[in-house]
Amino acid sequence: MTRTTATPPDDSHLQRNLSNRHIQLIAIGGAIGTGLFMGSGKTISLAGPSIIFVYMIIGFMLFFVMRAMGELLLSNLKYKSFIDFSADLLGPWAGYFTGWTYWFCWVITGIADVVAIAAYSQFWFPDLPQWIPALSCVALLLSLNLVTVKMFGETEFWFAMIKIVAILGLVATGLYMVITGFVSPGGSTAQLSNLWNDTGMFPHGLMGFFAGFQIAVFAFVGIELVGTTAAEAKNPERTLPRAINSIPVRIIVFYVLALITIMAVTPWRDVVPGKSPFVELFVLAGLPAAASIINFVVLTSAASSANSGVFSTSRMLYGLAQEGDAPKSFEKLSRRAVPANGLLFSCVCLMLGAVLIYLVPDVVEAFTLVTTVSAVLFMFVWTLILLSYLTYRKRRDALHQASKYKMPGGRVMCYVCLSFFAFILVLLSLEADTRSALLVTPLWFVVLAVTYQFVRRKRQVSR
């Protein structure tokens, strides 16, 4: 096979218009979830300082999943995303299940993001009806994604940049407060020893440590997003490895350092679960506009996630349509080489979902349910990536031997990661709210199994 890095300049293929700058920031944006800004207070209260190890362990495991994905995508540049290699290696059913599950994951996540954007907008415009910012956000993201894939890259570049600046600002501010021995109004002094001088690093014991995994795993949803850009990266053999290899550094800087800073300035017992510790740290530092600034950061973080969802769902529908697993209309590209029909359909689903969530009486309960379902389904996608890799090593060892981007640890690390995901599922079954989501999730696979029978019959007839 000829290994090319550019597609013909026509409108029948996705175009390679995402530069290294875009790919790197898309990868960073995917690794930094909104949960870090808003959910870190709850994770700290559950696990104490041991939450640092929780994020490191999850990040360590997912790095190997991403390395497996990288080797598979680069083993055949005709693979546009993980749908293609899962269908090729595991069978057509895997492509169908992976594509539609990933589409569903991002639609659910996108619904939550759109409603969150509407809620964050109330901070500045309390009298504005919530449907206006929700509708405006979807319309804006749709119009930007319809222009060109490069416009998506630019939008995501600046969204990710805002998150990066906010986290680096927090780390720098906290470091200054530790160096100067800042004393909070409550009388506590900013110092690194705050991490271990209150009943140690594991104040709630092993069960408290395990409880941190249940929430922290949600913060990594979207880390595989770089795998959906493979068909539109200008030089995938160079840009994909660079984006994946930098994952450990990103996790250390954006998760571990941020959490260490927060708990060094504010002892973990003083961190309020229901508030963003980012806001609290900036308020302590004497920045009165902290709430507005972090509200803006979280709003753009949610918009970034919704933007990623709009992009990835349209590419999933495009790939599914090419395989005959979705209506052929989703395969048609616009004059700008953008899957416009897929974009429109995904955006309509986002708006319908937002309307449905507005109608649910207990919004918090609904959100907990859908986000847990989403996280479980994302783990299913990560699992299929690992299973695809194991099959690839078994059937196409010559390709593996020729690869310039081999997954470290190979088969052994695949089994370690699969065992880790099973461990997470056991932990999710321990809490009532996450357990109910686990019980609901199989219904999605029942729907897929039933619809796949119709798709398979249609294929057999067409042959």
Protein backbone atom coordinates (compact mmCIF):
# COMPACT_ATOMS: atom_id res chain seq x y z
CA MET A 1 0.00 0.00 0.00
CA THR A 2 1.28 3.46 -0.86
CA ARG A 3 1.52 5.53 2.31
CA THR A 4 0.37 8.99 1.34
CA THR A 5 -0.32 11.93 3.61
CA ALA A 6 -2.71 13.87 1.42
CA THR A 7 -6.05 13.15 -0.18
CA PRO A 8 -7.09 14.21 -3.69
CA PRO A 9 -8.47 17.73 -3.81
CA ASP A 10 -12.09 16.75 -4.53
CA ASP A 11 -15.29 16.80 -2.53
CA SER A 12 -15.72 13.02 -2.29
CA HIS A 13 -13.19 12.59 0.53
CA LEU A 14 -12.52 14.21 3.88
CA GLN A 15 -9.68 16.69 3.40
CA ARG A 16 -6.42 16.74 5.41
CA ASN A 17 -6.68 20.33 6.65
CA LEU A 18 -5.89 19.93 10.36
CA SER A 19 -2.33 21.08 11.09
CA ASN A 20 -0.06 19.90 13.90
CA ARG A 21 -1.09 23.00 15.92
CA HIS A 22 -4.77 21.99 15.64
CA ILE A 23 -4.16 18.31 16.46
CA GLN A 24 -2.08 19.12 19.56
CA LEU A 25 -4.68 21.50 21.01
CA ILE A 26 -7.59 19.17 20.12
CA ALA A 27 -5.74 16.45 22.05
CA ILE A 28 -5.20 18.79 25.03
CA GLY A 29 -8.82 19.97 24.95
CA GLY A 30 -9.99 16.35 24.92
CA ALA A 31 -7.84 15.54 27.96
CA ILE A 32 -9.11 18.48 30.06
CA GLY A 33 -12.77 17.96 30.92
CA THR A 34 -15.20 20.41 32.47
CA GLY A 35 -15.21 18.02 35.44
CA LEU A 36 -11.74 19.22 36.42
CA PHE A 37 -13.00 22.78 36.98
CA MET A 38 -16.32 21.96 38.63
CA GLY A 39 -16.00 18.37 39.88
CA SER A 40 -12.55 18.43 41.50
CA GLY A 41 -14.00 19.76 44.79
CA LYS A 42 -16.14 16.64 45.18
CA THR A 43 -13.29 14.25 44.28
CA ILE A 44 -10.98 15.93 46.82
CA SER A 45 -13.63 15.63 49.57
CA LEU A 46 -14.07 11.92 48.78
CA ALA A 47 -10.45 10.82 48.45
CA GLY A 48 -8.42 13.61 50.09
CA PRO A 49 -4.87 14.08 48.77
CA SER A 50 -4.88 10.50 47.38
CA ILE A 51 -6.98 11.88 44.50
CA ILE A 52 -3.62 12.85 42.93
CA PHE A 53 -2.78 9.14 42.58
CA VAL A 54 -6.27 8.42 41.19
CA TYR A 55 -5.79 10.83 38.28
CA MET A 56 -2.26 9.52 37.68
CA ILE A 57 -3.44 5.88 37.54
CA ILE A 58 -6.38 6.61 35.20
CA GLY A 59 -4.16 8.75 32.96
CA PHE A 60 -1.46 6.04 32.94
CA MET A 61 -3.94 3.39 31.79
CA LEU A 62 -5.55 5.57 29.13
CA PHE A 63 -2.14 6.49 27.72
CA PHE A 64 -1.69 2.84 26.70
CA VAL A 65 -5.17 2.76 25.16
CA MET A 66 -4.20 5.81 23.09
CA ARG A 67 -0.87 4.20 22.10
CA ALA A 68 -2.75 1.10 20.91
CA MET A 69 -5.09 3.34 18.92
CA GLY A 70 -2.14 5.25 17.45
CA GLU A 71 -0.35 2.12 16.25
CA LEU A 72 -3.56 0.78 14.66
CA LEU A 73 -4.42 4.05 12.87
CA LEU A 74 -0.89 4.36 11.48
CA SER A 75 -0.72 0.72 10.41
CA ASN A 76 -3.09 1.59 7.56
CA LEU A 77 -3.65 5.21 6.55
CA LYS A 78 -6.96 4.22 4.97
CA TYR A 79 -8.34 3.95 8.51
CA LYS A 80 -10.25 7.18 9.17
CA SER A 81 -11.01 6.45 12.83
CA PHE A 82 -11.34 3.58 15.29
CA ILE A 83 -14.61 2.53 13.58
CA ASP A 84 -12.58 1.40 10.57
CA PHE A 85 -10.00 -0.70 12.36
CA SER A 86 -12.53 -2.26 14.76
CA ALA A 87 -14.72 -3.30 11.79
CA ASP A 88 -11.70 -4.57 9.87
CA LEU A 89 -10.16 -6.53 12.74
CA LEU A 90 -13.13 -7.64 14.87
CA GLY A 91 -15.83 -7.81 12.21
CA PRO A 92 -18.63 -5.59 10.82
CA TRP A 93 -20.58 -5.86 14.08
CA ALA A 94 -17.74 -4.12 15.96
CA GLY A 95 -17.71 -1.18 13.54
CA TYR A 96 -21.47 -0.86 13.92
CA PHE A 97 -21.39 -1.06 17.72
CA THR A 98 -18.35 1.22 18.06
CA GLY A 99 -19.60 3.91 15.67
CA TRP A 100 -23.14 4.18 17.00
CA THR A 101 -22.01 3.90 20.65
CA TYR A 102 -19.46 6.68 20.17
CA TRP A 103 -22.07 8.80 18.41
CA PHE A 104 -24.50 8.22 21.31
CA CYS A 105 -21.77 9.01 23.88
CA TRP A 106 -21.09 12.41 22.36
CA VAL A 107 -24.77 13.24 21.84
CA ILE A 108 -25.39 12.59 25.56
CA THR A 109 -22.28 14.57 26.53
CA GLY A 110 -23.26 17.33 24.10
CA ILE A 111 -26.77 17.56 25.60
CA ALA A 112 -25.24 17.98 29.06
CA ASP A 113 -22.83 20.61 27.73
CA VAL A 114 -25.55 22.63 25.99
CA VAL A 115 -27.72 22.67 29.12
CA ALA A 116 -24.65 23.56 31.20
CA ILE A 117 -23.91 26.50 28.87
CA ALA A 118 -27.48 27.72 29.35
CA ALA A 119 -27.02 27.45 33.14
CA TYR A 120 -23.63 29.25 33.13
CA SER A 121 -25.14 32.06 31.05
CA GLN A 122 -27.59 32.73 33.89
CA PHE A 123 -24.62 34.03 35.92
CA TRP A 124 -24.49 37.16 33.73
CA PHE A 125 -28.05 37.16 32.33
CA PRO A 126 -30.35 35.84 35.08
CA ASP A 127 -33.54 36.99 33.31
CA LEU A 128 -32.64 35.44 29.92
CA PRO A 129 -34.73 32.32 29.05
CA GLN A 130 -32.43 29.26 29.08
CA TRP A 131 -33.43 28.10 25.60
CA ILE A 132 -31.88 31.22 24.00
CA PRO A 133 -28.20 30.57 24.94
CA ALA A 134 -28.73 26.82 24.32
CA LEU A 135 -30.10 27.41 20.81
CA SER A 136 -27.51 30.12 20.09
CA CYS A 137 -24.64 27.83 21.11
CA VAL A 138 -25.77 24.96 18.86
CA ALA A 139 -26.41 27.34 15.94
CA LEU A 140 -22.95 28.91 16.34
CA LEU A 141 -21.14 25.56 16.56
CA LEU A 142 -23.08 24.21 13.57
CA SER A 143 -22.25 27.25 11.42
CA LEU A 144 -18.55 27.09 12.36
CA ASN A 145 -18.32 23.36 11.63
CA LEU A 146 -20.14 23.74 8.30
CA VAL A 147 -17.52 26.18 6.98
CA THR A 148 -14.43 23.91 6.88
CA VAL A 149 -12.72 21.38 9.09
CA LYS A 150 -9.99 24.00 9.56
CA MET A 151 -12.56 26.28 11.22
CA PHE A 152 -13.34 23.49 13.71
CA GLY A 153 -9.61 23.20 14.37
CA GLU A 154 -9.28 26.95 14.95
CA THR A 155 -12.30 27.08 17.27
CA GLU A 156 -11.05 24.13 19.30
CA PHE A 157 -7.53 25.63 19.37
CA TRP A 158 -8.76 28.79 21.12
CA PHE A 159 -11.20 26.97 23.42
CA ALA A 160 -8.35 24.71 24.58
CA MET A 161 -6.01 27.69 24.95
CA ILE A 162 -8.44 29.35 27.41
CA LYS A 163 -8.47 26.17 29.56
CA ILE A 164 -4.67 25.94 29.48
CA VAL A 165 -4.18 29.59 30.50
CA ALA A 166 -6.69 29.19 33.38
CA ILE A 167 -4.92 26.10 34.77
CA LEU A 168 -1.42 27.56 34.36
CA GLY A 169 -2.68 30.74 36.06
CA LEU A 170 -3.98 28.67 38.98
CA VAL A 171 -0.68 26.76 39.33
CA ALA A 172 1.40 29.97 39.17
CA THR A 173 -0.86 31.78 41.69
CA GLY A 174 -0.82 28.82 44.09
CA LEU A 175 2.96 28.44 43.82
CA TYR A 176 3.41 32.12 44.70
CA MET A 177 1.09 31.72 47.72
CA VAL A 178 3.07 28.69 48.94
CA ILE A 179 6.44 30.46 48.50
CA THR A 180 5.23 33.56 50.36
CA GLY A 181 3.57 31.49 53.14
CA PHE A 182 0.10 32.95 52.47
CA VAL A 183 -2.27 32.73 55.47
CA SER A 184 -5.97 32.32 54.65
CA PRO A 185 -8.76 34.08 56.61
CA GLY A 186 -9.37 30.73 58.35
CA GLY A 187 -5.83 30.75 59.71
CA SER A 188 -4.31 27.98 57.55
CA THR A 189 -0.91 28.59 55.91
CA ALA A 190 -0.25 27.70 52.26
CA GLN A 191 2.40 24.94 52.35
CA LEU A 192 3.10 21.61 50.65
CA SER A 193 2.84 19.78 53.98
CA ASN A 194 -0.95 20.38 53.84
CA LEU A 195 -0.97 17.35 51.53
CA TRP A 196 0.06 14.90 54.27
CA ASN A 197 -0.12 16.58 57.69
CA ASP A 198 -3.85 15.86 58.19
CA THR A 199 -4.10 12.06 58.71
CA GLY A 200 -1.80 11.38 55.75
CA MET A 201 -2.35 11.05 51.99
CA PHE A 202 -5.18 8.49 52.44
CA PRO A 203 -7.40 10.12 55.11
CA HIS A 204 -10.50 8.07 54.21
CA GLY A 205 -8.61 4.82 53.79
CA LEU A 206 -8.76 2.49 50.80
CA MET A 207 -12.53 2.92 50.23
CA GLY A 208 -12.16 6.70 50.06
CA PHE A 209 -9.35 6.24 47.54
CA PHE A 210 -11.52 3.93 45.42
CA ALA A 211 -14.48 6.36 45.62
CA GLY A 212 -12.34 8.93 43.79
CA PHE A 213 -12.18 6.70 40.70
CA GLN A 214 -15.95 6.79 40.22
CA ILE A 215 -15.98 10.52 39.48
CA ALA A 216 -12.43 11.05 38.18
CA VAL A 217 -12.87 8.63 35.27
CA PHE A 218 -15.57 10.97 33.86
CA ALA A 219 -13.00 13.77 33.59
CA PHE A 220 -11.04 11.79 30.96
CA VAL A 221 -13.98 11.30 28.60
CA GLY A 222 -12.90 12.62 25.18
CA ILE A 223 -9.22 11.74 25.50
CA GLU A 224 -9.62 9.52 22.40
CA LEU A 225 -10.95 12.45 20.33
CA VAL A 226 -7.63 12.78 18.49
CA GLY A 227 -8.42 9.36 16.96
CA THR A 228 -11.37 10.83 15.04
CA THR A 229 -9.11 13.43 13.35
CA ALA A 230 -6.89 10.85 11.61
CA ALA A 231 -8.53 11.27 8.19
CA GLU A 232 -8.20 15.05 8.32
CA ALA A 233 -4.70 15.45 9.77
CA LYS A 234 -2.17 16.89 7.30
CA ASN A 235 0.64 14.58 8.36
CA PRO A 236 -0.82 11.85 10.58
CA GLU A 237 2.46 9.88 10.86
CA ARG A 238 4.01 12.87 12.59
CA THR A 239 1.12 14.68 14.31
CA LEU A 240 -0.73 11.71 15.88
CA PRO A 241 2.33 10.29 17.70
CA ARG A 242 3.25 13.76 18.97
CA ALA A 243 -0.28 14.35 20.30
CA ILE A 244 -0.49 10.92 21.97
CA ASN A 245 3.05 10.97 23.41
CA SER A 246 2.38 14.26 25.19
CA ILE A 247 -0.60 12.82 27.14
CA PRO A 248 1.48 11.97 30.29
CA VAL A 249 2.91 15.52 30.41
CA ARG A 250 -0.56 17.03 30.00
CA ILE A 251 -1.98 14.89 32.82
CA ILE A 252 0.89 15.85 35.16
CA VAL A 253 0.61 19.58 34.39
CA PHE A 254 -3.15 20.01 34.03
CA TYR A 255 -4.43 17.50 36.60
CA VAL A 256 -1.72 16.58 39.11
CA LEU A 257 -0.07 20.01 39.48
CA ALA A 258 -3.46 21.77 39.61
CA LEU A 259 -4.72 19.47 42.39
CA ILE A 260 -1.45 19.69 44.35
CA THR A 261 -1.66 23.49 44.13
CA ILE A 262 -5.29 23.58 45.33
CA MET A 263 -4.63 21.31 48.34
CA ALA A 264 -1.35 23.04 49.25
CA VAL A 265 -3.14 26.42 49.48
CA THR A 266 -6.41 25.09 50.94
CA PRO A 267 -6.17 22.04 53.25
CA TRP A 268 -8.30 19.25 51.76
CA ARG A 269 -10.83 19.32 54.63
CA ASP A 270 -11.57 23.00 53.83
CA VAL A 271 -12.34 22.30 50.14
CA VAL A 272 -16.12 22.68 49.67
CA PRO A 273 -17.50 19.79 47.52
CA GLY A 274 -20.23 21.90 45.89
CA LYS A 275 -17.94 24.75 44.84
CA SER A 276 -15.19 25.01 42.26
CA PRO A 277 -11.82 24.99 44.09
CA PHE A 278 -10.48 27.04 41.17
CA VAL A 279 -12.80 29.92 42.07
CA GLU A 280 -12.01 29.60 45.78
CA LEU A 281 -8.24 29.77 45.22
CA PHE A 282 -8.47 32.92 43.09
CA VAL A 283 -10.82 34.51 45.64
CA LEU A 284 -8.27 33.77 48.39
CA ALA A 285 -5.60 35.38 46.23
CA GLY A 286 -7.63 38.59 46.30
CA LEU A 287 -9.00 38.45 42.75
CA PRO A 288 -12.58 39.75 43.08
CA ALA A 289 -13.42 38.91 39.47
CA ALA A 290 -12.52 35.22 40.08
CA ALA A 291 -16.11 33.98 39.87
CA SER A 292 -16.71 35.75 36.54
CA ILE A 293 -13.39 34.58 35.10
CA ILE A 294 -13.86 30.93 36.07
CA ASN A 295 -17.49 31.04 34.94
CA PHE A 296 -16.21 32.17 31.54
CA VAL A 297 -13.57 29.41 31.52
CA VAL A 298 -16.11 26.71 32.45
CA LEU A 299 -18.58 28.05 29.86
CA THR A 300 -15.92 27.88 27.11
CA SER A 301 -14.88 24.44 28.40
CA ALA A 302 -18.46 23.21 27.97
CA ALA A 303 -18.60 24.88 24.54
CA SER A 304 -15.33 23.14 23.64
CA SER A 305 -16.79 19.78 24.63
CA ALA A 306 -19.98 20.45 22.65
CA ASN A 307 -17.86 21.54 19.67
CA SER A 308 -15.87 18.30 19.87
CA GLY A 309 -19.13 16.37 20.08
CA VAL A 310 -20.57 18.04 16.97
CA PHE A 311 -17.36 17.32 15.06
CA SER A 312 -16.87 13.70 16.15
CA THR A 313 -20.52 12.61 15.79
CA SER A 314 -20.65 13.89 12.20
CA ARG A 315 -17.44 11.97 11.36
CA MET A 316 -18.82 8.82 13.01
CA LEU A 317 -22.00 9.05 10.91
CA TYR A 318 -19.87 9.59 7.79
CA GLY A 319 -17.82 6.45 8.55
CA LEU A 320 -20.94 4.42 9.38
CA ALA A 321 -22.63 5.50 6.14
CA GLN A 322 -19.59 4.44 4.11
CA GLU A 323 -19.84 0.96 5.64
CA GLY A 324 -23.60 0.77 5.04
CA ASP A 325 -24.36 1.03 8.76
CA ALA A 326 -26.15 4.41 8.51
CA PRO A 327 -28.28 6.13 5.84
CA LYS A 328 -26.30 6.94 2.69
CA SER A 329 -27.23 10.63 3.00
CA PHE A 330 -24.67 10.92 5.85
CA GLU A 331 -21.91 9.92 3.40
CA LYS A 332 -22.48 12.96 1.19
CA LEU A 333 -19.98 15.78 1.67
CA SER A 334 -20.57 19.47 1.06
CA ARG A 335 -18.52 21.48 -1.45
CA ARG A 336 -16.17 22.27 1.44
CA ALA A 337 -15.60 18.53 2.08
CA VAL A 338 -17.62 18.59 5.31
CA PRO A 339 -20.25 15.91 6.22
CA ALA A 340 -23.02 18.51 6.42
CA ASN A 341 -25.96 16.09 6.78
CA GLY A 342 -24.30 14.39 9.75
CA LEU A 343 -23.62 17.78 11.35
CA LEU A 344 -27.26 18.85 10.95
CA PHE A 345 -28.61 15.56 12.32
CA SER A 346 -26.31 15.61 15.37
CA CYS A 347 -27.23 19.24 16.14
CA VAL A 348 -30.96 18.45 15.90
CA CYS A 349 -30.40 15.57 18.37
CA LEU A 350 -28.57 17.96 20.73
CA MET A 351 -31.51 20.37 20.70
CA LEU A 352 -34.16 17.65 21.11
CA GLY A 353 -32.18 16.20 24.00
CA ALA A 354 -31.87 19.61 25.64
CA VAL A 355 -35.65 20.06 25.40
CA LEU A 356 -36.22 16.61 26.96
CA ILE A 357 -33.87 17.37 29.86
CA TYR A 358 -35.70 20.66 30.51
CA LEU A 359 -38.89 18.61 30.86
CA VAL A 360 -37.39 16.16 33.41
CA PRO A 361 -38.40 17.32 36.93
CA ASP A 362 -35.16 16.28 38.68
CA VAL A 363 -32.44 17.65 36.38
CA VAL A 364 -29.57 16.68 38.72
CA GLU A 365 -30.69 13.07 38.84
CA ALA A 366 -31.09 12.97 35.06
CA PHE A 367 -27.63 14.48 34.59
CA THR A 368 -26.01 11.94 36.94
CA LEU A 369 -27.70 9.13 35.04
CA VAL A 370 -26.82 10.27 31.51
CA THR A 371 -23.22 11.23 32.30
CA THR A 372 -22.60 7.89 34.04
CA VAL A 373 -24.12 6.02 31.08
CA SER A 374 -21.91 8.09 28.79
CA ALA A 375 -18.75 7.25 30.78
CA VAL A 376 -19.59 3.51 30.80
CA LEU A 377 -20.13 3.60 27.03
CA PHE A 378 -16.86 5.46 26.52
CA MET A 379 -15.14 2.63 28.43
CA PHE A 380 -16.82 0.21 26.00
CA VAL A 381 -15.24 2.10 23.08
CA TRP A 382 -11.82 2.06 24.81
CA THR A 383 -12.25 -1.69 25.38
CA LEU A 384 -12.96 -2.33 21.69
CA ILE A 385 -9.80 -0.37 20.78
CA LEU A 386 -7.78 -2.74 23.01
CA LEU A 387 -9.53 -5.85 21.65
CA SER A 388 -8.81 -4.62 18.11
CA TYR A 389 -5.15 -4.27 19.03
CA LEU A 390 -4.98 -7.82 20.42
CA THR A 391 -6.53 -9.15 17.18
CA TYR A 392 -4.11 -7.06 15.09
CA ARG A 393 -1.14 -8.54 16.97
CA LYS A 394 -2.49 -12.04 16.39
CA ARG A 395 -3.35 -11.74 12.70
CA ARG A 396 -1.01 -9.06 11.36
CA ASP A 397 2.22 -9.43 13.27
CA ALA A 398 4.22 -8.42 10.17
CA LEU A 399 2.53 -4.98 10.25
CA HIS A 400 3.35 -4.69 13.95
CA GLN A 401 7.00 -5.58 13.34
CA ALA A 402 7.21 -2.94 10.59
CA SER A 403 5.50 -0.26 12.71
CA LYS A 404 7.51 2.79 13.70
CA TYR A 405 5.05 3.56 16.49
CA LYS A 406 4.71 0.37 18.50
CA MET A 407 2.57 0.29 21.64
CA PRO A 408 4.84 -0.13 24.70
CA GLY A 409 3.96 -3.20 26.74
CA GLY A 410 1.96 -4.67 23.86
CA ARG A 411 -0.43 -7.48 24.77
CA VAL A 412 0.44 -7.43 28.48
CA MET A 413 -0.61 -3.78 28.90
CA CYS A 414 -3.81 -4.47 26.94
CA TYR A 415 -4.81 -7.09 29.52
CA VAL A 416 -3.80 -4.77 32.38
CA CYS A 417 -6.00 -1.97 30.97
CA LEU A 418 -8.94 -4.35 30.37
CA SER A 419 -8.67 -5.54 33.99
CA PHE A 420 -8.62 -1.92 35.14
CA PHE A 421 -11.86 -1.14 33.25
CA ALA A 422 -13.49 -4.19 34.87
CA PHE A 423 -12.33 -2.83 38.25
CA ILE A 424 -13.96 0.56 37.48
CA LEU A 425 -17.26 -1.16 36.61
CA VAL A 426 -17.19 -2.95 39.98
CA LEU A 427 -16.62 0.39 41.74
CA LEU A 428 -19.51 1.98 39.83
CA SER A 429 -21.80 -0.80 41.06
CA LEU A 430 -21.12 0.15 44.70
CA GLU A 431 -22.98 3.51 44.66
CA ALA A 432 -26.76 3.75 44.17
CA ASP A 433 -26.78 6.53 41.55
CA THR A 434 -24.01 5.03 39.38
CA ARG A 435 -25.41 1.50 39.85
CA SER A 436 -28.75 2.54 38.31
CA ALA A 437 -26.86 3.85 35.26
CA LEU A 438 -25.01 0.52 34.96
CA LEU A 439 -28.34 -1.30 34.95
CA VAL A 440 -29.75 0.99 32.22
CA THR A 441 -26.70 0.81 29.91
CA PRO A 442 -27.36 -2.75 28.57
CA LEU A 443 -30.60 -1.46 27.01
CA TRP A 444 -28.46 0.49 24.51
CA PHE A 445 -26.69 -2.70 23.43
CA VAL A 446 -30.05 -4.49 23.07
CA VAL A 447 -31.18 -1.71 20.71
CA LEU A 448 -27.93 -2.02 18.73
CA ALA A 449 -28.18 -5.82 18.55
CA VAL A 450 -31.75 -5.64 17.20
CA THR A 451 -31.04 -2.89 14.65
CA TYR A 452 -27.85 -4.64 13.51
CA GLN A 453 -29.91 -7.66 12.42
CA PHE A 454 -31.84 -5.40 10.01
CA VAL A 455 -28.59 -3.86 8.73
CA ARG A 456 -27.06 -7.31 8.17
CA ARG A 457 -30.11 -8.54 6.27
CA LYS A 458 -30.06 -5.42 4.11
CA ARG A 459 -26.41 -6.10 3.26
CA GLN A 460 -27.15 -9.72 2.34
CA VAL A 461 -30.02 -8.63 0.04
CA SER A 462 -27.85 -5.96 -1.65
CA ARG A 463 -25.20 -8.59 -2.41
